[in-house]
Amino acid sequence: MNSSYVNMGVGALLATLFVLKSVSLASGFIFHSEAPEKPGFTIVATEEPAAGGDKGAAAKPDTPIAQLLQKADAKVGETIFKKCQACHSGEKGGPNKVGPDLWGIVDRPVAEHEGFAYSSGMKDFSKGGTEKWTYDHLYHFLAAPKKFVAGTAMGFAGLPKEEDRANVIAYLRTLADTQVPLPDPNAPAATN
């Protein structure tokens, strides 16, 4: 093998590496950005407590929806519901969007709104249309949709504050020709 070919190959390799490093350094200077002094927002991930873990660290149980509805404010719920309007309408005869129209949702059979294609998870939860959207079901569903109804297509993370959920449910109750009576606040809490 001729030494001039080896020298040309090594020279070409070194020239290529020089060009790549030069371009990398130049682009670093051109497109350099400083880290912000204060981050825009912080994402905090909470961990579920391990089963059989510290009993003192157990989460506070939810207040029963029947008690919360006694103080709930439908006007506040209407404001919170604006988040929902990207995917749901709330007017009588309103269109289905990404999610079904919510007019008359309280005490309506689950996964039975006409003209909407429900996920298999929601259909399974409905037990063939025998399950209804009770105040309790709405309360737990709004807390964590994917946790309450496994396999639901609803991408909303949920409303962690129980007062917010109660206010939204109080507003949803007004979206009907006849409002479903409020549950008895002295009745024992429903179990899931």
N, C-alpha and C. Protein backbone atom coordinates (compact mmCIF):
# COMPACT_ATOMS: atom_id res chain seq x y z
N MET A 1 0.84 -1.16 0.00
CA MET A 1 0.00 0.00 0.00
C MET A 1 0.90 1.24 0.00
N ASN A 2 0.53 2.21 -0.76
CA ASN A 2 1.31 3.42 -0.92
C ASN A 2 1.08 4.33 0.29
N SER A 3 2.15 4.88 0.86
CA SER A 3 2.06 5.72 2.05
C SER A 3 1.32 7.03 1.78
N SER A 4 1.29 7.47 0.52
CA SER A 4 0.57 8.71 0.22
C SER A 4 -0.94 8.53 0.37
N TYR A 5 -1.45 7.32 0.08
CA TYR A 5 -2.88 7.05 0.27
C TYR A 5 -3.24 7.04 1.76
N VAL A 6 -2.36 6.48 2.58
CA VAL A 6 -2.58 6.45 4.02
C VAL A 6 -2.55 7.88 4.56
N ASN A 7 -1.58 8.67 4.13
CA ASN A 7 -1.50 10.06 4.56
C ASN A 7 -2.73 10.85 4.15
N MET A 8 -3.23 10.63 2.91
CA MET A 8 -4.45 11.33 2.45
C MET A 8 -5.66 10.91 3.27
N GLY A 9 -5.79 9.63 3.61
CA GLY A 9 -6.91 9.14 4.41
C GLY A 9 -6.91 9.72 5.81
N VAL A 10 -5.73 9.73 6.44
CA VAL A 10 -5.60 10.28 7.78
C VAL A 10 -5.86 11.79 7.75
N GLY A 11 -5.35 12.46 6.70
CA GLY A 11 -5.57 13.90 6.55
C GLY A 11 -7.04 14.22 6.37
N ALA A 12 -7.74 13.42 5.56
CA ALA A 12 -9.17 13.63 5.34
C ALA A 12 -9.95 13.42 6.64
N LEU A 13 -9.58 12.39 7.41
CA LEU A 13 -10.24 12.13 8.69
C LEU A 13 -10.03 13.29 9.66
N LEU A 14 -8.77 13.76 9.75
CA LEU A 14 -8.48 14.87 10.64
C LEU A 14 -9.19 16.16 10.19
N ALA A 15 -9.27 16.39 8.91
CA ALA A 15 -9.95 17.58 8.38
C ALA A 15 -11.44 17.51 8.70
N THR A 16 -12.04 16.33 8.57
CA THR A 16 -13.46 16.15 8.87
C THR A 16 -13.72 16.41 10.36
N LEU A 17 -12.89 15.85 11.22
CA LEU A 17 -13.05 16.06 12.65
C LEU A 17 -12.88 17.54 13.02
N PHE A 18 -11.93 18.23 12.36
CA PHE A 18 -11.71 19.66 12.59
C PHE A 18 -12.94 20.46 12.20
N VAL A 19 -13.55 20.15 11.05
CA VAL A 19 -14.73 20.87 10.58
C VAL A 19 -15.92 20.62 11.54
N LEU A 20 -16.11 19.38 11.93
CA LEU A 20 -17.22 19.06 12.84
C LEU A 20 -17.06 19.77 14.19
N LYS A 21 -15.86 19.77 14.74
CA LYS A 21 -15.64 20.44 16.02
C LYS A 21 -15.81 21.95 15.88
N SER A 22 -15.35 22.51 14.76
CA SER A 22 -15.50 23.95 14.52
C SER A 22 -16.97 24.33 14.42
N VAL A 23 -17.76 23.55 13.70
CA VAL A 23 -19.19 23.82 13.55
C VAL A 23 -19.89 23.69 14.92
N SER A 24 -19.50 22.70 15.69
CA SER A 24 -20.09 22.51 17.02
C SER A 24 -19.80 23.71 17.92
N LEU A 25 -18.57 24.17 17.93
CA LEU A 25 -18.21 25.33 18.76
C LEU A 25 -18.92 26.59 18.28
N ALA A 26 -18.93 26.80 16.97
CA ALA A 26 -19.58 28.01 16.42
C ALA A 26 -21.07 28.02 16.72
N SER A 27 -21.75 26.87 16.57
CA SER A 27 -23.19 26.83 16.85
C SER A 27 -23.45 27.03 18.34
N GLY A 28 -22.53 26.57 19.19
CA GLY A 28 -22.68 26.79 20.63
C GLY A 28 -22.62 28.27 20.99
N PHE A 29 -21.75 29.01 20.32
CA PHE A 29 -21.66 30.46 20.55
C PHE A 29 -22.86 31.20 19.98
N ILE A 30 -23.32 30.78 18.81
CA ILE A 30 -24.44 31.46 18.15
C ILE A 30 -25.74 31.24 18.89
N PHE A 31 -26.00 30.00 19.28
CA PHE A 31 -27.30 29.64 19.86
C PHE A 31 -27.25 29.47 21.37
N HIS A 32 -26.26 30.02 22.03
CA HIS A 32 -26.13 29.91 23.48
C HIS A 32 -27.26 30.68 24.18
N SER A 33 -27.84 30.08 25.21
CA SER A 33 -28.86 30.78 25.99
C SER A 33 -28.55 30.57 27.47
N GLU A 34 -28.78 31.63 28.22
CA GLU A 34 -28.54 31.59 29.66
C GLU A 34 -29.69 30.87 30.35
N ALA A 35 -29.40 30.21 31.45
CA ALA A 35 -30.46 29.58 32.25
C ALA A 35 -31.27 30.70 32.92
N PRO A 36 -32.59 30.56 33.00
CA PRO A 36 -33.39 31.61 33.63
C PRO A 36 -33.07 31.73 35.12
N GLU A 37 -33.18 32.95 35.63
CA GLU A 37 -32.92 33.18 37.05
C GLU A 37 -33.95 32.45 37.90
N LYS A 38 -35.18 32.47 37.44
CA LYS A 38 -36.27 31.84 38.18
C LYS A 38 -37.04 30.95 37.20
N PRO A 39 -37.20 29.66 37.50
CA PRO A 39 -37.93 28.79 36.58
C PRO A 39 -39.38 29.23 36.42
N GLY A 40 -39.97 28.97 35.25
CA GLY A 40 -41.35 29.37 34.98
C GLY A 40 -42.34 28.66 35.89
N PHE A 41 -42.18 27.38 36.06
CA PHE A 41 -43.04 26.62 36.96
C PHE A 41 -42.32 25.34 37.34
N THR A 42 -42.72 24.78 38.44
CA THR A 42 -42.12 23.56 38.94
C THR A 42 -43.14 22.44 38.86
N ILE A 43 -42.71 21.33 38.34
CA ILE A 43 -43.58 20.16 38.28
C ILE A 43 -43.25 19.29 39.48
N VAL A 44 -44.24 19.06 40.30
CA VAL A 44 -44.05 18.27 41.51
C VAL A 44 -44.79 16.95 41.33
N ALA A 45 -44.06 15.87 41.39
CA ALA A 45 -44.67 14.55 41.28
C ALA A 45 -44.84 14.00 42.69
N THR A 46 -46.05 13.55 42.98
CA THR A 46 -46.29 12.95 44.28
C THR A 46 -46.25 11.45 44.14
N GLU A 47 -45.74 10.80 45.14
CA GLU A 47 -45.68 9.35 45.12
C GLU A 47 -46.80 8.77 45.96
N GLU A 48 -47.35 7.67 45.46
CA GLU A 48 -48.38 6.96 46.21
C GLU A 48 -47.70 6.27 47.39
N PRO A 49 -48.31 6.31 48.57
CA PRO A 49 -47.70 5.61 49.69
C PRO A 49 -47.73 4.10 49.44
N ALA A 50 -46.69 3.43 49.87
CA ALA A 50 -46.61 1.98 49.67
C ALA A 50 -47.66 1.29 50.52
N ALA A 51 -48.16 0.17 50.00
CA ALA A 51 -49.15 -0.60 50.75
C ALA A 51 -48.54 -1.10 52.05
N GLY A 52 -49.26 -0.98 53.13
CA GLY A 52 -48.78 -1.42 54.42
C GLY A 52 -47.72 -0.50 55.00
N GLY A 53 -47.65 0.71 54.47
CA GLY A 53 -46.64 1.68 54.92
C GLY A 53 -47.03 2.32 56.23
N ASP A 54 -46.45 3.44 56.50
CA ASP A 54 -46.67 4.17 57.74
C ASP A 54 -48.13 4.61 57.84
N LYS A 55 -48.81 4.14 58.85
CA LYS A 55 -50.23 4.47 59.00
C LYS A 55 -50.44 5.93 59.37
N GLY A 56 -49.44 6.55 60.01
CA GLY A 56 -49.53 7.95 60.40
C GLY A 56 -49.49 8.86 59.18
N ALA A 57 -48.93 8.39 58.07
CA ALA A 57 -48.80 9.20 56.86
C ALA A 57 -49.98 8.97 55.91
N ALA A 58 -51.01 8.27 56.35
CA ALA A 58 -52.15 8.00 55.49
C ALA A 58 -52.84 9.29 55.10
N ALA A 59 -53.34 9.32 53.86
CA ALA A 59 -54.01 10.52 53.35
C ALA A 59 -55.33 10.73 54.09
N LYS A 60 -55.68 11.98 54.23
CA LYS A 60 -56.93 12.34 54.87
C LYS A 60 -58.09 11.86 53.98
N PRO A 61 -59.06 11.15 54.53
CA PRO A 61 -60.17 10.68 53.70
C PRO A 61 -61.01 11.86 53.19
N ASP A 62 -61.58 11.67 52.00
CA ASP A 62 -62.42 12.72 51.43
C ASP A 62 -63.65 12.95 52.29
N THR A 63 -64.07 14.21 52.32
CA THR A 63 -65.34 14.56 52.96
C THR A 63 -66.45 14.04 52.06
N PRO A 64 -67.50 13.44 52.61
CA PRO A 64 -68.58 12.94 51.75
C PRO A 64 -69.19 14.07 50.92
N ILE A 65 -69.49 13.76 49.68
CA ILE A 65 -70.03 14.77 48.75
C ILE A 65 -71.35 15.34 49.27
N ALA A 66 -72.14 14.54 49.96
CA ALA A 66 -73.42 15.03 50.49
C ALA A 66 -73.20 16.21 51.44
N GLN A 67 -72.15 16.15 52.24
CA GLN A 67 -71.84 17.26 53.16
C GLN A 67 -71.29 18.46 52.40
N LEU A 68 -70.42 18.21 51.43
CA LEU A 68 -69.82 19.30 50.67
C LEU A 68 -70.85 20.06 49.83
N LEU A 69 -71.84 19.34 49.32
CA LEU A 69 -72.85 19.99 48.46
C LEU A 69 -73.72 20.97 49.24
N GLN A 70 -73.79 20.82 50.55
CA GLN A 70 -74.59 21.73 51.36
C GLN A 70 -74.02 23.15 51.32
N LYS A 71 -72.70 23.26 51.13
CA LYS A 71 -72.04 24.57 51.10
C LYS A 71 -71.52 24.93 49.71
N ALA A 72 -71.72 24.05 48.73
CA ALA A 72 -71.17 24.27 47.39
C ALA A 72 -71.82 25.47 46.72
N ASP A 73 -71.05 26.15 45.88
CA ASP A 73 -71.50 27.35 45.17
C ASP A 73 -71.48 27.08 43.67
N ALA A 74 -72.66 27.03 43.07
CA ALA A 74 -72.77 26.74 41.63
C ALA A 74 -72.10 27.83 40.79
N LYS A 75 -72.12 29.08 41.25
CA LYS A 75 -71.47 30.18 40.50
C LYS A 75 -69.96 29.95 40.44
N VAL A 76 -69.36 29.54 41.54
CA VAL A 76 -67.93 29.23 41.55
C VAL A 76 -67.68 28.02 40.65
N GLY A 77 -68.56 27.04 40.73
CA GLY A 77 -68.45 25.86 39.87
C GLY A 77 -68.53 26.20 38.39
N GLU A 78 -69.36 27.19 38.06
CA GLU A 78 -69.47 27.62 36.66
C GLU A 78 -68.14 28.18 36.17
N THR A 79 -67.45 28.91 37.01
CA THR A 79 -66.14 29.46 36.66
C THR A 79 -65.13 28.34 36.45
N ILE A 80 -65.13 27.36 37.34
CA ILE A 80 -64.20 26.23 37.22
C ILE A 80 -64.54 25.40 35.99
N PHE A 81 -65.84 25.31 35.67
CA PHE A 81 -66.29 24.51 34.53
C PHE A 81 -65.75 25.04 33.20
N LYS A 82 -65.31 26.28 33.17
CA LYS A 82 -64.76 26.84 31.92
C LYS A 82 -63.58 26.02 31.42
N LYS A 83 -62.85 25.37 32.33
CA LYS A 83 -61.77 24.45 31.93
C LYS A 83 -62.34 23.28 31.12
N CYS A 84 -63.52 22.86 31.49
CA CYS A 84 -64.14 21.68 30.89
C CYS A 84 -64.69 21.97 29.49
N GLN A 85 -64.97 23.24 29.22
CA GLN A 85 -65.64 23.60 27.98
C GLN A 85 -64.78 23.40 26.74
N ALA A 86 -63.50 23.14 26.90
CA ALA A 86 -62.68 22.81 25.74
C ALA A 86 -63.11 21.46 25.17
N CYS A 87 -63.64 20.60 26.01
CA CYS A 87 -64.00 19.25 25.59
C CYS A 87 -65.48 18.92 25.74
N HIS A 88 -66.22 19.69 26.54
CA HIS A 88 -67.63 19.40 26.82
C HIS A 88 -68.49 20.64 26.63
N SER A 89 -69.69 20.44 26.11
CA SER A 89 -70.67 21.52 26.11
C SER A 89 -71.61 21.25 27.28
N GLY A 90 -72.32 22.27 27.70
CA GLY A 90 -73.22 22.11 28.83
C GLY A 90 -74.61 22.63 28.55
N GLU A 91 -74.91 22.91 27.29
CA GLU A 91 -76.24 23.44 27.00
C GLU A 91 -77.17 22.33 26.50
N LYS A 92 -78.46 22.54 26.72
CA LYS A 92 -79.46 21.56 26.33
C LYS A 92 -79.39 21.36 24.81
N GLY A 93 -79.24 20.11 24.41
CA GLY A 93 -79.13 19.79 23.00
C GLY A 93 -77.79 20.22 22.40
N GLY A 94 -76.84 20.56 23.27
CA GLY A 94 -75.52 21.01 22.82
C GLY A 94 -74.77 19.90 22.10
N PRO A 95 -73.75 20.31 21.37
CA PRO A 95 -73.00 19.32 20.59
C PRO A 95 -72.05 18.49 21.46
N ASN A 96 -71.79 17.29 20.99
CA ASN A 96 -70.72 16.51 21.59
C ASN A 96 -69.43 17.06 21.02
N LYS A 97 -68.43 17.17 21.86
CA LYS A 97 -67.12 17.62 21.41
C LYS A 97 -66.17 16.43 21.57
N VAL A 98 -65.00 16.66 22.11
CA VAL A 98 -64.10 15.56 22.43
C VAL A 98 -64.78 14.66 23.47
N GLY A 99 -65.56 15.28 24.34
CA GLY A 99 -66.35 14.57 25.33
C GLY A 99 -67.83 14.82 25.07
N PRO A 100 -68.71 14.08 25.72
CA PRO A 100 -70.15 14.24 25.48
C PRO A 100 -70.70 15.53 26.09
N ASP A 101 -71.86 15.96 25.59
CA ASP A 101 -72.58 17.10 26.17
C ASP A 101 -72.97 16.71 27.60
N LEU A 102 -72.83 17.64 28.53
CA LEU A 102 -73.08 17.34 29.94
C LEU A 102 -74.43 17.83 30.45
N TRP A 103 -75.31 18.27 29.58
CA TRP A 103 -76.65 18.67 30.01
C TRP A 103 -77.33 17.45 30.61
N GLY A 104 -77.84 17.57 31.81
CA GLY A 104 -78.55 16.47 32.47
C GLY A 104 -77.65 15.33 32.90
N ILE A 105 -76.39 15.61 33.19
CA ILE A 105 -75.44 14.55 33.54
C ILE A 105 -75.75 13.90 34.89
N VAL A 106 -76.24 14.68 35.86
CA VAL A 106 -76.51 14.12 37.18
C VAL A 106 -77.66 13.12 37.08
N ASP A 107 -77.40 11.91 37.50
CA ASP A 107 -78.33 10.78 37.50
C ASP A 107 -78.60 10.23 36.10
N ARG A 108 -77.79 10.61 35.12
CA ARG A 108 -77.91 10.05 33.76
C ARG A 108 -77.13 8.74 33.71
N PRO A 109 -77.62 7.75 32.97
CA PRO A 109 -76.86 6.51 32.84
C PRO A 109 -75.46 6.77 32.26
N VAL A 110 -74.47 6.10 32.80
CA VAL A 110 -73.08 6.25 32.35
C VAL A 110 -72.95 5.69 30.94
N ALA A 111 -72.22 6.40 30.10
CA ALA A 111 -71.89 5.98 28.73
C ALA A 111 -73.13 5.77 27.87
N GLU A 112 -74.17 6.56 28.09
CA GLU A 112 -75.41 6.39 27.33
C GLU A 112 -75.84 7.65 26.59
N HIS A 113 -75.00 8.68 26.51
CA HIS A 113 -75.41 9.90 25.81
C HIS A 113 -75.43 9.63 24.31
N GLU A 114 -76.53 9.93 23.70
CA GLU A 114 -76.74 9.64 22.28
C GLU A 114 -75.72 10.36 21.39
N GLY A 115 -75.17 9.62 20.46
CA GLY A 115 -74.28 10.20 19.47
C GLY A 115 -72.83 10.33 19.89
N PHE A 116 -72.48 9.81 21.05
CA PHE A 116 -71.09 9.89 21.48
C PHE A 116 -70.50 8.49 21.56
N ALA A 117 -69.28 8.33 21.03
CA ALA A 117 -68.59 7.04 21.04
C ALA A 117 -67.73 6.95 22.31
N TYR A 118 -68.18 6.19 23.27
CA TYR A 118 -67.49 6.05 24.55
C TYR A 118 -66.35 5.04 24.46
N SER A 119 -65.36 5.21 25.31
CA SER A 119 -64.24 4.27 25.39
C SER A 119 -64.73 2.95 25.98
N SER A 120 -63.97 1.90 25.74
CA SER A 120 -64.36 0.60 26.29
C SER A 120 -64.32 0.61 27.82
N GLY A 121 -63.38 1.38 28.40
CA GLY A 121 -63.32 1.48 29.86
C GLY A 121 -64.58 2.09 30.43
N MET A 122 -65.11 3.13 29.77
CA MET A 122 -66.33 3.78 30.24
C MET A 122 -67.53 2.84 30.05
N LYS A 123 -67.56 2.11 28.94
CA LYS A 123 -68.66 1.15 28.70
C LYS A 123 -68.64 0.05 29.75
N ASP A 124 -67.44 -0.42 30.09
CA ASP A 124 -67.34 -1.45 31.13
C ASP A 124 -67.83 -0.92 32.47
N PHE A 125 -67.45 0.31 32.80
CA PHE A 125 -67.87 0.93 34.06
C PHE A 125 -69.39 1.10 34.12
N SER A 126 -70.01 1.33 32.96
CA SER A 126 -71.45 1.58 32.92
C SER A 126 -72.29 0.34 33.22
N LYS A 127 -71.66 -0.83 33.14
CA LYS A 127 -72.37 -2.10 33.37
C LYS A 127 -73.62 -2.19 32.51
N GLY A 128 -73.44 -1.90 31.22
CA GLY A 128 -74.55 -2.00 30.28
C GLY A 128 -75.58 -0.90 30.44
N GLY A 129 -75.20 0.23 31.00
CA GLY A 129 -76.12 1.35 31.17
C GLY A 129 -76.89 1.32 32.47
N THR A 130 -76.57 0.36 33.35
CA THR A 130 -77.29 0.29 34.63
C THR A 130 -76.68 1.23 35.67
N GLU A 131 -75.41 1.59 35.50
CA GLU A 131 -74.74 2.50 36.43
C GLU A 131 -75.08 3.93 36.03
N LYS A 132 -75.33 4.79 37.02
CA LYS A 132 -75.69 6.19 36.75
C LYS A 132 -74.64 7.13 37.31
N TRP A 133 -74.61 8.36 36.78
CA TRP A 133 -73.71 9.40 37.28
C TRP A 133 -74.33 10.01 38.54
N THR A 134 -74.12 9.32 39.66
CA THR A 134 -74.59 9.83 40.95
C THR A 134 -73.66 10.95 41.40
N TYR A 135 -74.07 11.67 42.42
CA TYR A 135 -73.20 12.72 42.97
C TYR A 135 -71.87 12.11 43.41
N ASP A 136 -71.93 10.95 44.02
CA ASP A 136 -70.71 10.29 44.50
C ASP A 136 -69.80 9.88 43.34
N HIS A 137 -70.38 9.30 42.28
CA HIS A 137 -69.58 8.92 41.11
C HIS A 137 -68.92 10.15 40.49
N LEU A 138 -69.67 11.21 40.32
CA LEU A 138 -69.10 12.44 39.75
C LEU A 138 -67.97 12.97 40.61
N TYR A 139 -68.17 12.94 41.92
CA TYR A 139 -67.17 13.45 42.87
C TYR A 139 -65.84 12.70 42.72
N HIS A 140 -65.90 11.38 42.69
CA HIS A 140 -64.68 10.58 42.59
C HIS A 140 -64.09 10.62 41.18
N PHE A 141 -64.94 10.68 40.17
CA PHE A 141 -64.46 10.76 38.79
C PHE A 141 -63.72 12.07 38.55
N LEU A 142 -64.27 13.17 39.05
CA LEU A 142 -63.62 14.47 38.86
C LEU A 142 -62.30 14.58 39.65
N ALA A 143 -62.14 13.77 40.67
CA ALA A 143 -60.89 13.78 41.44
C ALA A 143 -59.76 13.20 40.61
N ALA A 144 -60.00 12.10 39.93
CA ALA A 144 -58.97 11.42 39.13
C ALA A 144 -59.68 10.49 38.14
N PRO A 145 -60.05 11.02 36.96
CA PRO A 145 -60.82 10.22 36.00
C PRO A 145 -60.22 8.86 35.67
N LYS A 146 -58.94 8.82 35.36
CA LYS A 146 -58.32 7.56 34.95
C LYS A 146 -58.18 6.57 36.11
N LYS A 147 -58.13 7.08 37.32
CA LYS A 147 -58.05 6.20 38.49
C LYS A 147 -59.44 5.63 38.81
N PHE A 148 -60.48 6.45 38.67
CA PHE A 148 -61.84 6.01 39.01
C PHE A 148 -62.43 5.10 37.94
N VAL A 149 -62.19 5.42 36.66
CA VAL A 149 -62.68 4.59 35.55
C VAL A 149 -61.47 4.16 34.73
N ALA A 150 -60.99 2.97 35.02
CA ALA A 150 -59.82 2.46 34.29
C ALA A 150 -60.15 2.35 32.80
N GLY A 151 -59.27 2.88 31.97
CA GLY A 151 -59.46 2.79 30.53
C GLY A 151 -60.26 3.92 29.93
N THR A 152 -60.63 4.93 30.73
CA THR A 152 -61.36 6.06 30.16
C THR A 152 -60.43 6.83 29.22
N ALA A 153 -61.01 7.42 28.19
CA ALA A 153 -60.22 8.21 27.25
C ALA A 153 -60.08 9.65 27.72
N MET A 154 -60.74 10.01 28.82
CA MET A 154 -60.68 11.38 29.31
C MET A 154 -59.26 11.69 29.78
N GLY A 155 -58.65 12.71 29.16
CA GLY A 155 -57.27 13.05 29.46
C GLY A 155 -57.10 14.04 30.58
N PHE A 156 -58.18 14.51 31.19
CA PHE A 156 -58.11 15.51 32.26
C PHE A 156 -57.50 14.88 33.50
N ALA A 157 -56.57 15.59 34.14
CA ALA A 157 -55.88 15.05 35.32
C ALA A 157 -56.78 14.98 36.55
N GLY A 158 -57.77 15.85 36.63
CA GLY A 158 -58.68 15.84 37.76
C GLY A 158 -58.60 17.12 38.58
N LEU A 159 -59.53 17.26 39.50
CA LEU A 159 -59.59 18.40 40.41
C LEU A 159 -59.21 17.90 41.80
N PRO A 160 -58.02 18.22 42.29
CA PRO A 160 -57.60 17.67 43.58
C PRO A 160 -58.34 18.26 44.78
N LYS A 161 -58.82 19.49 44.69
CA LYS A 161 -59.50 20.11 45.83
C LYS A 161 -60.95 19.66 45.87
N GLU A 162 -61.35 19.11 47.01
CA GLU A 162 -62.72 18.60 47.14
C GLU A 162 -63.76 19.71 47.01
N GLU A 163 -63.43 20.92 47.45
CA GLU A 163 -64.37 22.05 47.32
C GLU A 163 -64.61 22.40 45.84
N ASP A 164 -63.55 22.35 45.05
CA ASP A 164 -63.69 22.62 43.62
C ASP A 164 -64.60 21.58 42.97
N ARG A 165 -64.40 20.32 43.32
CA ARG A 165 -65.25 19.26 42.77
C ARG A 165 -66.71 19.47 43.16
N ALA A 166 -66.93 19.80 44.42
CA ALA A 166 -68.31 20.02 44.90
C ALA A 166 -68.94 21.21 44.17
N ASN A 167 -68.18 22.27 43.97
CA ASN A 167 -68.72 23.44 43.26
C ASN A 167 -69.05 23.11 41.81
N VAL A 168 -68.19 22.34 41.15
CA VAL A 168 -68.48 21.94 39.76
C VAL A 168 -69.72 21.06 39.72
N ILE A 169 -69.85 20.14 40.65
CA ILE A 169 -71.02 19.26 40.68
C ILE A 169 -72.28 20.08 40.96
N ALA A 170 -72.19 21.07 41.84
CA ALA A 170 -73.34 21.95 42.09
C ALA A 170 -73.74 22.67 40.81
N TYR A 171 -72.74 23.08 40.03
CA TYR A 171 -73.05 23.73 38.74
C TYR A 171 -73.64 22.72 37.75
N LEU A 172 -73.06 21.53 37.66
CA LEU A 172 -73.58 20.51 36.74
C LEU A 172 -75.03 20.17 37.08
N ARG A 173 -75.36 20.22 38.37
CA ARG A 173 -76.74 19.96 38.81
C ARG A 173 -77.72 20.95 38.20
N THR A 174 -77.24 22.20 37.97
CA THR A 174 -78.13 23.23 37.40
C THR A 174 -78.36 23.02 35.90
N LEU A 175 -77.54 22.19 35.27
CA LEU A 175 -77.66 21.94 33.84
C LEU A 175 -78.68 20.83 33.59
N ALA A 176 -79.92 21.11 33.88
CA ALA A 176 -80.98 20.12 33.72
C ALA A 176 -82.33 20.83 33.74
N ASP A 177 -83.32 20.19 33.13
CA ASP A 177 -84.67 20.73 33.20
C ASP A 177 -85.19 20.66 34.63
N THR A 178 -84.91 19.54 35.31
CA THR A 178 -85.30 19.34 36.70
C THR A 178 -84.07 18.91 37.47
N GLN A 179 -83.74 19.64 38.52
CA GLN A 179 -82.54 19.32 39.29
C GLN A 179 -82.77 18.11 40.18
N VAL A 180 -81.78 17.23 40.20
CA VAL A 180 -81.83 16.04 41.04
C VAL A 180 -81.67 16.51 42.50
N PRO A 181 -82.53 16.02 43.41
CA PRO A 181 -82.41 16.43 44.82
C PRO A 181 -81.03 16.14 45.38
N LEU A 182 -80.58 17.01 46.28
CA LEU A 182 -79.29 16.80 46.93
C LEU A 182 -79.36 15.61 47.86
N PRO A 183 -78.25 14.89 48.00
CA PRO A 183 -78.25 13.75 48.92
C PRO A 183 -78.32 14.21 50.37
N ASP A 184 -78.78 13.33 51.23
CA ASP A 184 -78.88 13.62 52.66
C ASP A 184 -77.48 13.71 53.27
N PRO A 185 -77.11 14.85 53.84
CA PRO A 185 -75.76 14.99 54.42
C PRO A 185 -75.53 14.11 55.65
N ASN A 186 -76.60 13.61 56.25
CA ASN A 186 -76.46 12.76 57.43
C ASN A 186 -76.43 11.29 57.09
N ALA A 187 -76.64 10.95 55.81
CA ALA A 187 -76.60 9.55 55.40
C ALA A 187 -75.15 9.06 55.42
N PRO A 188 -74.94 7.77 55.67
CA PRO A 188 -73.57 7.25 55.65
C PRO A 188 -72.97 7.39 54.25
N ALA A 189 -71.66 7.62 54.19
CA ALA A 189 -70.97 7.81 52.91
C ALA A 189 -71.01 6.53 52.10
N ALA A 190 -71.16 6.69 50.79
CA ALA A 190 -71.15 5.54 49.88
C ALA A 190 -69.73 5.02 49.78
N THR A 191 -69.59 3.72 49.61
CA THR A 191 -68.26 3.11 49.42
C THR A 191 -68.15 2.66 47.99
N ASN A 192 -66.91 2.72 47.49
CA ASN A 192 -66.66 2.31 46.09
C ASN A 192 -66.06 0.96 46.02
